[in-house]
Amino acid sequence: MTDQSAPASGTNSDAVPTPRISKGGNRDYRLDFFRGLALLFIFIDHIPDNTISYFTLRSFAFCDAAEVFIFISGYTAALAYAPAFDREGVAMGFARIYRRVWQLYVAHLCLFMIFNAEVGYTLKFLYNPLFADELQVGDYLNDPGDAFIHVLLLQFQPSLLNILPLYIALLLALPFFVLLLRRHVLLGLVPSGILWLAAILFGWNMPGFPEGRLWYFDPFAWQFLFAIAVGLGLTRATERRLLVPSGWLPRGALVFAVIAAVLSLSSSLHDAVNRIPQFIMLPEMWFDKTMLPPARLLSVLALAVLVGTYVPREARFLTSRAGWWIVLCGQNSLQVFCLSILLAVLANFVLNLAGYGLLVQCLVNLSGIVTMFGAGLLLAWFKAGGRLPNAPRPREVS
């Protein structure tokens, strides 16, 4: 849901930033790959009672694909938009970012309308009002006039439609992050960290709809992860040194990731097979997705350190056939994300009709993933002027 190519004067870009890690460097396909993988996981995790979801990131870490997606979005947004502040001035930097905010806002409204049309149409066949309640669109279907005002204000967020409002809110703050972080990393991260801590301690959140409901992703908390990613993106783009010595980071990240994997697997296996005991019970508030508690924040940061340290930019799996399909999904993240939401609703409908047998689940998941790959390939073909871009050879991305 970030821009495909770095904005430049006279260009009209509406996809994702060109993720370059240094001046004159080649595209870092790790960013595209793991963003595309996060999109696949988001689709799988959005299907209720989906056995395949036991094989996504949330079963092996304290975080899930949402944190990965927001982190990569912040990192690439810094690489895409920060240079405009130096090249074209502060006013144009704001303008380019807020132009993107408008594009995301329009995309969210269009997705909302198609989403509700899809839900309304499927209700005719299921004859089950609980389906609408499960997706949290009952209030809109009962009183669309009043509810749509709150849609425009980003307050009404049905199930599955809460990531784009979060990203819109974070992108609104991006120019201020860039201005502060360019002066000094701590100047941006310290206030952001204080706001994150205050949101957790005092429960600060944005009001939602209906009355009494809050945003599923608390922007006051999630902005800290976004700010860290923006800071890292700026640090890499300007080739500045990190504030902390990096020698111990990979070892610490590896230890944390292993502990998180063991504990998460223990919980996932217990949920999947009741006969398997859950040896360690941790408080649920430690993993509350809304407030982004320390466990989830440290988990995604640990994964980022491990990928940055142990996955080389020229890794062959990035440009293998399957890997390249995932990369193309990541390069067209906004369109593929919107498609994944609609596919998740369709998958829910199919499983309600055909049953939740393992074979049916596998076919539904596979069909959705293949459709997302097809969308990524089609968009890449269109952007390349009618030819499908081939995966670069490893030596070209080294």
Protein backbone atom coordinates (compact mmCIF):
# COMPACT_ATOMS: atom_id res chain seq x y z
CA MET A 1 0.00 0.00 0.00
CA THR A 2 2.98 2.23 -0.49
CA ASP A 3 4.15 3.75 -3.74
CA GLN A 4 5.78 1.56 -6.36
CA SER A 5 8.39 3.99 -7.56
CA ALA A 6 10.01 6.96 -5.95
CA PRO A 7 8.20 10.13 -6.94
CA ALA A 8 9.98 12.48 -9.27
CA SER A 9 9.06 15.67 -11.02
CA GLY A 10 6.70 15.04 -13.88
CA THR A 11 5.97 11.42 -12.94
CA ASN A 12 2.66 9.89 -12.04
CA SER A 13 3.30 7.01 -9.70
CA ASP A 14 0.52 5.21 -7.88
CA ALA A 15 2.06 2.05 -6.60
CA VAL A 16 5.03 1.26 -4.30
CA PRO A 17 8.31 3.12 -3.70
CA THR A 18 11.43 1.93 -5.40
CA PRO A 19 13.21 0.44 -2.41
CA ARG A 20 16.83 1.45 -2.79
CA ILE A 21 19.06 1.03 0.20
CA SER A 22 21.74 3.51 -0.83
CA LYS A 23 22.37 6.22 -3.37
CA GLY A 24 22.69 4.62 -6.73
CA GLY A 25 21.97 1.17 -5.38
CA ASN A 26 19.88 -1.47 -7.10
CA ARG A 27 16.37 -2.38 -6.05
CA ASP A 28 16.23 -4.44 -2.88
CA TYR A 29 13.85 -7.27 -3.75
CA ARG A 30 13.76 -8.44 -0.13
CA LEU A 31 11.34 -5.61 0.60
CA ASP A 32 9.03 -6.60 -2.26
CA PHE A 33 9.25 -10.30 -1.44
CA PHE A 34 8.40 -10.03 2.24
CA ARG A 35 5.68 -7.47 1.57
CA GLY A 36 4.17 -9.87 -0.98
CA LEU A 37 4.48 -12.75 1.48
CA ALA A 38 2.72 -10.64 4.11
CA LEU A 39 -0.14 -10.10 1.65
CA LEU A 40 -0.51 -13.85 1.15
CA PHE A 41 -0.52 -14.37 4.93
CA ILE A 42 -3.11 -11.61 5.37
CA PHE A 43 -5.41 -13.36 2.90
CA ILE A 44 -4.97 -16.73 4.62
CA ASP A 45 -5.40 -15.30 8.13
CA HIS A 46 -8.59 -13.47 7.12
CA ILE A 47 -10.40 -16.71 6.30
CA PRO A 48 -12.26 -17.86 9.45
CA ASP A 49 -11.45 -21.30 10.88
CA ASN A 50 -8.77 -21.77 8.23
CA THR A 51 -6.48 -24.71 9.00
CA ILE A 52 -3.85 -23.32 6.61
CA SER A 53 -3.50 -20.26 8.87
CA TYR A 54 -1.59 -22.45 11.34
CA PHE A 55 1.31 -22.23 8.88
CA THR A 56 1.46 -18.44 8.67
CA LEU A 57 3.72 -16.12 10.66
CA ARG A 58 1.41 -15.76 13.64
CA SER A 59 2.08 -19.40 14.59
CA PHE A 60 5.83 -18.82 14.72
CA ALA A 61 6.16 -15.31 16.20
CA PHE A 62 4.48 -12.92 18.61
CA CYS A 63 3.53 -10.71 15.64
CA ASP A 64 1.79 -11.46 12.36
CA ALA A 65 1.66 -10.18 8.79
CA ALA A 66 0.09 -6.85 9.78
CA GLU A 67 3.21 -5.75 11.67
CA VAL A 68 5.44 -6.87 8.81
CA PHE A 69 3.35 -4.95 6.31
CA ILE A 70 3.34 -1.72 8.33
CA PHE A 71 7.09 -1.97 8.98
CA ILE A 72 7.96 -2.44 5.31
CA SER A 73 5.50 0.31 4.34
CA GLY A 74 7.20 2.77 6.69
CA TYR A 75 10.66 1.78 5.49
CA THR A 76 9.85 2.11 1.81
CA ALA A 77 7.82 5.30 2.35
CA ALA A 78 10.93 6.93 3.79
CA LEU A 79 12.98 5.86 0.78
CA ALA A 80 10.31 7.08 -1.64
CA TYR A 81 9.30 10.41 -0.19
CA ALA A 82 12.14 11.73 1.97
CA PRO A 83 14.30 12.72 -1.05
CA ALA A 84 11.51 15.05 -2.24
CA PHE A 85 12.05 17.24 0.83
CA ASP A 86 15.66 17.87 -0.23
CA ARG A 87 15.07 17.91 -3.97
CA GLU A 88 11.85 19.92 -4.19
CA GLY A 89 11.36 21.53 -0.79
CA VAL A 90 9.21 20.90 2.26
CA ALA A 91 5.95 22.04 0.66
CA MET A 92 6.32 19.63 -2.25
CA GLY A 93 7.31 16.86 0.15
CA PHE A 94 4.03 17.35 2.01
CA ALA A 95 2.13 17.56 -1.28
CA ARG A 96 3.51 14.31 -2.64
CA ILE A 97 2.74 12.40 0.55
CA TYR A 98 -0.77 13.82 0.89
CA ARG A 99 -1.48 13.09 -2.75
CA ARG A 100 -0.82 9.46 -1.85
CA VAL A 101 -3.05 9.78 1.23
CA TRP A 102 -5.89 10.87 -1.07
CA GLN A 103 -5.29 7.89 -3.37
CA LEU A 104 -5.43 5.51 -0.40
CA TYR A 105 -8.57 7.20 0.91
CA VAL A 106 -10.35 6.78 -2.42
CA ALA A 107 -9.15 3.18 -2.65
CA HIS A 108 -10.54 2.49 0.84
CA LEU A 109 -13.96 3.92 -0.06
CA CYS A 110 -14.11 1.89 -3.28
CA LEU A 111 -13.05 -1.24 -1.44
CA PHE A 112 -15.68 -0.60 1.22
CA MET A 113 -18.47 -0.34 -1.33
CA ILE A 114 -17.42 -3.47 -3.22
CA PHE A 115 -16.93 -5.30 0.09
CA ASN A 116 -20.47 -4.47 1.25
CA ALA A 117 -21.95 -5.33 -2.13
CA GLU A 118 -20.20 -8.70 -1.96
CA VAL A 119 -21.46 -9.33 1.58
CA GLY A 120 -25.01 -8.24 0.68
CA TYR A 121 -25.07 -10.50 -2.36
CA THR A 122 -23.81 -13.53 -0.46
CA LEU A 123 -26.42 -13.00 2.26
CA LYS A 124 -29.09 -13.81 -0.33
CA PHE A 125 -27.68 -17.31 -0.64
CA LEU A 126 -26.65 -18.00 2.94
CA TYR A 127 -29.82 -16.70 4.60
CA ASN A 128 -27.68 -16.22 7.67
CA PRO A 129 -27.69 -12.76 9.31
CA LEU A 130 -24.78 -13.88 11.48
CA PHE A 131 -22.58 -13.66 8.39
CA ALA A 132 -23.09 -9.88 8.31
CA ASP A 133 -22.50 -9.63 12.06
CA GLU A 134 -19.35 -11.70 11.75
CA LEU A 135 -17.96 -9.21 9.23
CA GLN A 136 -19.29 -6.28 11.31
CA VAL A 137 -21.33 -4.72 8.50
CA GLY A 138 -24.77 -5.16 10.06
CA ASP A 139 -24.95 -1.50 11.14
CA TYR A 140 -24.24 -0.34 7.60
CA LEU A 141 -26.80 -2.67 6.01
CA ASN A 142 -29.45 -1.60 8.55
CA ASP A 143 -28.84 2.15 8.27
CA PRO A 144 -26.48 2.90 5.38
CA GLY A 145 -27.14 6.66 5.38
CA ASP A 146 -25.88 7.29 8.91
CA ALA A 147 -23.18 4.64 8.74
CA PHE A 148 -21.65 5.97 5.53
CA ILE A 149 -20.91 9.33 7.18
CA HIS A 150 -18.74 7.39 9.62
CA VAL A 151 -17.20 5.49 6.70
CA LEU A 152 -16.08 8.82 5.24
CA LEU A 153 -14.59 9.74 8.64
CA LEU A 154 -12.79 6.35 8.78
CA GLN A 155 -14.67 5.55 11.98
CA PHE A 156 -16.74 2.65 10.64
CA GLN A 157 -14.28 -0.18 10.02
CA PRO A 158 -15.85 -3.58 9.32
CA SER A 159 -13.82 -6.69 9.90
CA LEU A 160 -10.98 -6.97 7.33
CA LEU A 161 -11.20 -3.23 6.47
CA ASN A 162 -9.10 -1.76 9.26
CA ILE A 163 -5.54 -1.80 7.86
CA LEU A 164 -6.04 0.90 5.20
CA PRO A 165 -7.45 3.45 7.69
CA LEU A 166 -4.44 2.80 9.92
CA TYR A 167 -2.04 3.30 7.04
CA ILE A 168 -3.82 6.50 5.97
CA ALA A 169 -3.44 7.86 9.51
CA LEU A 170 0.24 6.90 9.61
CA LEU A 171 0.92 8.44 6.21
CA LEU A 172 -0.67 11.69 7.39
CA ALA A 173 2.03 11.83 10.06
CA LEU A 174 4.86 10.82 7.71
CA PRO A 175 5.99 14.37 6.76
CA PHE A 176 6.46 15.25 10.43
CA PHE A 177 8.40 12.04 11.04
CA VAL A 178 10.65 12.83 8.09
CA LEU A 179 11.33 16.41 9.23
CA LEU A 180 12.14 15.34 12.80
CA LEU A 181 14.11 12.22 11.96
CA ARG A 182 16.22 14.05 9.39
CA ARG A 183 17.47 16.36 12.14
CA HIS A 184 18.20 13.55 14.57
CA VAL A 185 16.81 10.04 14.99
CA LEU A 186 16.04 10.55 18.68
CA LEU A 187 14.15 13.77 17.93
CA GLY A 188 11.55 11.68 16.12
CA LEU A 189 11.67 8.39 18.02
CA VAL A 190 11.57 9.68 21.61
CA PRO A 191 8.23 11.55 21.27
CA SER A 192 6.86 8.66 19.21
CA GLY A 193 7.90 6.17 21.89
CA ILE A 194 6.34 8.30 24.64
CA LEU A 195 3.07 8.46 22.71
CA TRP A 196 3.14 4.68 22.19
CA LEU A 197 3.71 4.08 25.90
CA ALA A 198 0.97 6.53 26.87
CA ALA A 199 -1.48 4.83 24.49
CA ILE A 200 -0.80 1.48 26.17
CA LEU A 201 -0.95 2.81 29.74
CA PHE A 202 -3.96 5.10 29.36
CA GLY A 203 -5.83 3.32 26.56
CA TRP A 204 -5.73 6.23 24.12
CA ASN A 205 -7.37 5.34 20.83
CA MET A 206 -9.44 6.86 18.04
CA PRO A 207 -13.26 6.68 18.32
CA GLY A 208 -15.01 4.29 16.00
CA PHE A 209 -18.55 3.45 15.00
CA PRO A 210 -21.03 2.32 16.37
CA GLU A 211 -20.71 4.41 19.52
CA GLY A 212 -18.35 2.87 22.03
CA ARG A 213 -16.26 1.05 19.46
CA LEU A 214 -12.62 2.02 18.93
CA TRP A 215 -10.18 1.52 16.05
CA TYR A 216 -9.00 -2.08 15.81
CA PHE A 217 -5.44 -0.86 15.10
CA ASP A 218 -4.75 1.97 17.55
CA PRO A 219 -2.87 4.60 15.48
CA PHE A 220 -1.39 6.17 18.63
CA ALA A 221 0.35 2.87 19.36
CA TRP A 222 1.13 1.65 15.85
CA GLN A 223 2.77 4.94 14.89
CA PHE A 224 5.83 3.90 16.92
CA LEU A 225 6.51 0.89 14.69
CA PHE A 226 5.98 3.08 11.64
CA ALA A 227 8.32 5.76 13.02
CA ILE A 228 11.05 3.18 13.71
CA ALA A 229 10.74 1.89 10.15
CA VAL A 230 10.87 5.42 8.73
CA GLY A 231 13.95 6.12 10.84
CA LEU A 232 15.68 2.99 9.58
CA GLY A 233 14.74 3.83 6.00
CA LEU A 234 16.20 7.32 6.34
CA THR A 235 19.32 5.96 8.01
CA ARG A 236 19.88 3.53 5.16
CA ALA A 237 19.07 6.04 2.42
CA THR A 238 21.48 8.64 3.82
CA GLU A 239 24.10 6.01 4.74
CA ARG A 240 24.23 7.21 8.33
CA ARG A 241 25.41 5.00 11.16
CA LEU A 242 22.94 3.47 13.58
CA LEU A 243 22.81 4.95 17.06
CA VAL A 244 23.53 1.59 18.70
CA PRO A 245 26.32 -0.85 17.91
CA SER A 246 24.91 -3.48 15.59
CA GLY A 247 27.22 -6.34 16.54
CA TRP A 248 24.99 -7.71 19.29
CA LEU A 249 21.68 -7.09 17.52
CA PRO A 250 21.59 -10.25 15.36
CA ARG A 251 22.40 -12.49 18.32
CA GLY A 252 19.80 -10.83 20.53
CA ALA A 253 17.23 -10.91 17.75
CA LEU A 254 17.88 -14.59 17.13
CA VAL A 255 17.43 -15.47 20.80
CA PHE A 256 14.20 -13.48 21.01
CA ALA A 257 12.86 -14.98 17.76
CA VAL A 258 13.58 -18.53 18.92
CA ILE A 259 11.84 -17.97 22.26
CA ALA A 260 8.86 -16.37 20.48
CA ALA A 261 8.70 -19.28 18.01
CA VAL A 262 8.70 -21.90 20.77
CA LEU A 263 5.99 -20.15 22.79
CA SER A 264 3.85 -19.35 19.75
CA LEU A 265 4.11 -22.89 18.40
CA SER A 266 3.12 -24.26 21.79
CA SER A 267 -0.04 -22.14 21.73
CA SER A 268 -0.81 -22.89 18.06
CA LEU A 269 -0.37 -26.64 18.46
CA HIS A 270 -2.61 -26.57 21.53
CA ASP A 271 -5.32 -24.77 19.55
CA ALA A 272 -4.98 -27.14 16.59
CA VAL A 273 -4.78 -30.36 18.62
CA ASN A 274 -6.39 -30.12 22.04
CA ARG A 275 -4.51 -33.18 23.26
CA ILE A 276 -1.24 -31.27 23.04
CA PRO A 277 -0.81 -29.36 26.32
CA GLN A 278 0.13 -25.69 26.39
CA PHE A 279 3.05 -25.68 28.76
CA ILE A 280 3.39 -21.92 29.20
CA MET A 281 0.39 -19.61 29.49
CA LEU A 282 1.22 -15.95 28.94
CA PRO A 283 -1.20 -13.09 29.65
CA GLU A 284 -3.34 -12.24 26.64
CA MET A 285 -2.76 -8.52 27.16
CA TRP A 286 0.89 -9.11 26.21
CA PHE A 287 -0.27 -9.84 22.67
CA ASP A 288 -3.21 -7.45 22.27
CA LYS A 289 -3.03 -6.56 18.59
CA THR A 290 -4.89 -3.29 19.01
CA MET A 291 -2.34 -1.66 21.32
CA LEU A 292 0.85 -3.17 19.80
CA PRO A 293 2.39 -4.22 23.14
CA PRO A 294 6.17 -4.67 23.55
CA ALA A 295 6.10 -8.40 22.74
CA ARG A 296 4.61 -7.81 19.29
CA LEU A 297 6.79 -4.78 18.60
CA LEU A 298 10.02 -6.56 19.57
CA SER A 299 8.99 -9.63 17.58
CA VAL A 300 8.66 -7.82 14.25
CA LEU A 301 11.84 -5.80 14.90
CA ALA A 302 13.73 -9.00 15.67
CA LEU A 303 12.55 -10.52 12.39
CA ALA A 304 13.63 -7.39 10.53
CA VAL A 305 17.11 -7.62 12.04
CA LEU A 306 17.40 -11.30 11.15
CA VAL A 307 16.29 -10.76 7.56
CA GLY A 308 18.60 -7.79 7.15
CA THR A 309 21.53 -9.77 8.58
CA TYR A 310 21.11 -13.28 7.22
CA VAL A 311 19.12 -12.89 3.97
CA PRO A 312 21.44 -11.46 1.30
CA ARG A 313 20.08 -9.07 -1.30
CA GLU A 314 21.13 -11.47 -4.04
CA ALA A 315 19.43 -14.51 -2.44
CA ARG A 316 18.38 -16.85 -5.25
CA PHE A 317 14.92 -17.59 -3.85
CA LEU A 318 13.97 -13.93 -4.42
CA THR A 319 14.22 -14.34 -8.19
CA SER A 320 13.11 -17.95 -8.47
CA ARG A 321 9.81 -18.44 -10.31
CA ALA A 322 7.64 -18.68 -7.18
CA GLY A 323 9.70 -16.03 -5.43
CA TRP A 324 9.33 -13.64 -8.36
CA TRP A 325 5.54 -14.06 -8.33
CA ILE A 326 5.58 -13.03 -4.67
CA VAL A 327 7.86 -10.09 -5.49
CA LEU A 328 5.42 -8.86 -8.15
CA CYS A 329 2.58 -9.03 -5.60
CA GLY A 330 4.68 -6.93 -3.23
CA GLN A 331 5.43 -4.40 -5.95
CA ASN A 332 1.68 -3.94 -6.54
CA SER A 333 0.71 -4.08 -2.91
CA LEU A 334 -2.29 -1.74 -2.84
CA GLN A 335 -4.17 -3.50 -5.64
CA VAL A 336 -3.26 -6.99 -4.43
CA PHE A 337 -4.21 -6.11 -0.86
CA CYS A 338 -7.65 -4.89 -1.92
CA LEU A 339 -8.10 -8.05 -3.98
CA SER A 340 -7.09 -10.22 -1.02
CA ILE A 341 -9.85 -8.70 1.13
CA LEU A 342 -12.52 -9.46 -1.46
CA LEU A 343 -11.12 -12.96 -1.97
CA ALA A 344 -11.24 -13.61 1.78
CA VAL A 345 -14.96 -12.76 1.85
CA LEU A 346 -15.54 -15.00 -1.18
CA ALA A 347 -13.57 -17.80 0.49
CA ASN A 348 -15.71 -17.48 3.60
CA PHE A 349 -18.84 -17.75 1.44
CA VAL A 350 -17.56 -20.84 -0.41
CA LEU A 351 -16.57 -22.59 2.81
CA ASN A 352 -19.97 -21.87 4.34
CA LEU A 353 -21.58 -23.58 1.33
CA ALA A 354 -19.12 -26.42 0.68
CA GLY A 355 -18.03 -27.16 4.24
CA TYR A 356 -14.73 -26.83 6.04
CA GLY A 357 -13.15 -30.11 5.00
CA LEU A 358 -9.37 -29.96 4.68
CA LEU A 359 -9.41 -30.61 0.93
CA VAL A 360 -11.93 -27.83 0.34
CA GLN A 361 -9.89 -25.47 2.49
CA CYS A 362 -6.72 -26.28 0.55
CA LEU A 363 -8.47 -25.67 -2.77
CA VAL A 364 -9.96 -22.37 -1.58
CA ASN A 365 -6.61 -21.13 -0.26
CA LEU A 366 -4.76 -22.23 -3.38
CA SER A 367 -7.33 -20.58 -5.66
CA GLY A 368 -7.00 -17.30 -3.80
CA ILE A 369 -3.20 -17.35 -3.86
CA VAL A 370 -3.12 -18.17 -7.58
CA THR A 371 -5.56 -15.31 -8.22
CA MET A 372 -3.30 -12.91 -6.30
CA PHE A 373 -0.28 -14.12 -8.29
CA GLY A 374 -2.25 -13.57 -11.49
CA ALA A 375 -3.12 -10.03 -10.43
CA GLY A 376 0.52 -9.28 -9.67
CA LEU A 377 1.61 -10.63 -13.05
CA LEU A 378 -1.12 -8.73 -14.90
CA LEU A 379 -0.25 -5.43 -13.21
CA ALA A 380 3.46 -5.97 -13.90
CA TRP A 381 2.67 -6.73 -17.56
CA PHE A 382 0.60 -3.56 -17.85
CA LYS A 383 3.25 -1.33 -16.22
CA ALA A 384 5.93 -2.80 -18.49
CA GLY A 385 3.98 -1.75 -21.58
CA GLY A 386 2.60 -5.13 -22.57
CA ARG A 387 5.54 -7.36 -21.75
CA LEU A 388 6.09 -9.42 -18.63
CA PRO A 389 9.24 -8.33 -16.78
CA ASN A 390 11.59 -11.26 -16.23
CA ALA A 391 13.21 -11.90 -12.88
CA PRO A 392 16.72 -10.40 -12.86
CA ARG A 393 19.69 -12.69 -12.59
CA PRO A 394 21.26 -12.83 -9.13
CA ARG A 395 24.34 -10.92 -10.27
CA GLU A 396 22.11 -8.00 -11.29
CA VAL A 397 20.82 -7.44 -7.76
CA SER A 398 24.09 -8.00 -5.95
